[in-house]
Amino acid sequence: MKTEKRKTLKWQLNKLLIIAVAPFLLMTVILITLLVSFNLSNAEVLRNAMTATEFNAEFKHNIDRPMYYYVIRGKNTAELPLTEVERAEELLNRLRKTTTGTDNLWRIQSMLNMLGNLKKYMFVIEKTKLYDDRIRILEKDIYLITQLIERYMHDYIYHEVAELSRLHTRLSRDIFRVILLSPFATALLLFFVVRYALRFTRRIAEDISQLAAKIQLAGGGDFAKSAINTEITEIMTLDEGFNDMGSRLRTLMEKERENQVALRKAEFELLQSQINPHFLYNTLDSIVWLAESERNRDVVTMTSLLSDFFRGSLSGGREIITIEAEKNQVSSYLDIQKIRYSDILEYTIDIPPELYGYEIPKLTLQPLVENAIYHGIKQKRSLGKIAISAGEEGTDILIKVWNNGSAMSPEQVETFGRGVFTGHTGLGLKNVDKRLKLYCGDSYGLSFRSDADEGTTITVTIPKKIEHQSQKKTTKPLKKQKSFNKVQKNINLLS
């Protein structure tokens, strides 16, 4: 069936969102614009009025009084208030930059001209010697100019306040218009939104009902490939994907039993690969050497220990064994090595009997002990000691393998601690850590601590209860999505 972009669910949801939000957004923008514009204009006008008021309250007094003292006392004891005039000019120039009214701009320019004349008459008084002439200039010119400036500034303040009132009136009128139109716009908007939403939800509900019925049939094992009659692209995609999933699920269900067998075989081969073939060769060579030396009792002992070791390694094909069985298996390995290296190897195993019944992936401890012997004790060239201990910590069990051989470098400890295993030394450790995470979860595995004085300790952390899915028998056909998830999990393990 041909699909169009206008039929996509995403497009229709976006259309509904735009219809619902756009008008409210537009009204919000208009209100915000009005408020911002008013606040900016109001702030400038109010600031101008306040500045002018402060100026008008002090200017005439700050000019008239110093000029009077200058005239009656003489220039030797008083100074012209030119600083006040310059400050007034600077203030008026600032007001001119923010004033918008034409009349007030004219008043500011007039006051600037008056200030120029005021300075001119100050200089005239400064040059006039006769007292009477100076008094005449003060009263007729200086006082008159300051009075005019005060009156002009008063008019300026009045018009700025009037402008502020006009701004308030205009804002109130505009907001009233928006509020008046809002109910009509809202009612019209709701009409279109409800109409479109009802049509949209009805169409979606019908398509989803068809898909739900098809899924319900699939839950009973009927993976029919009949297509759903829909015009929505996403529903069509889901339907096609479900049909494809049903085909693949049937194939996976048919192969699940075969995959389970293959999985157990792969895991068994992985475990068996942990046994270093050199250990077998060296042990057999040691048995030959003991036989040639007529140490028959040691031959019997080593042969029996070797048999016990491999019997524990096989463990009837089970991947998960008890801690007691793992202890016995690693004891056989250590006893064999102790016969070979009787002059440089000692070991102790301290695992409380109450932990014997808990489970652990087999061949967990033997690679750690092997690593301690070949990469720790043999490098030391003196008496080496290995100690295996175990304890509980909440819902976990911690098993520690310590040796007093050559310590790992700080770089090795750091890389091993981050799960980065490189080189021949880390090969066995990598496999052990990987298997522990496979059976127990990513939060479990190996941790390392090494010090030249205290030796090297590798800690195995496992839960008290291991959910080992690979040992569960699969004798019935898998059903529904839960079975599909289980199939996918097992395929990931094989990968």
Foldseek 3Di string as FASTA:
>chain_A
DDADPCQAPVNLVVVLVCLQVVVVVVLVVVLVVLVVVLVVLLVLLVVLLVLLVVCLVPLLVLQLVQLVCCLVVHVVVGDHVVVSLVVLLVSLVVNLVSDDDPLLNVLSVVLNVLSVVLVVLVVVLNPDDDSVVSVVSSVPRNNVSSVSNSVSSVVSSVVSVVVNVVSVVVSVVVVVVSVVCVVVVVVVSVVVSVVSVVVVVVQVVVLVVVVVVQQVVVLVVDLDLDAGDHRHPVSNVVSVVSSVVSVVLVVLLVCVQVLLVVLLVVVLVLLVVLDDVVLVVVLVVVLVVCVVVVVVVVNVLLVVLVVLLVCLSPVVSDQKDFPLSQVSNLVSVVVSVCVVPVQAEDEEEAEDPVRRGFIDGHPLVNSVVVLCVPVFRVVQVHRKYWYWYWDDDVQKIKIKIWMLGAWDDPVVLVCVQVLNADDPSRPSQNSSQVVQCVFANPVFGWHWDTDNVRGIMIMGMHGRDTDGPSPDDDDDRDGDVVSVVVSVVSVVSVD
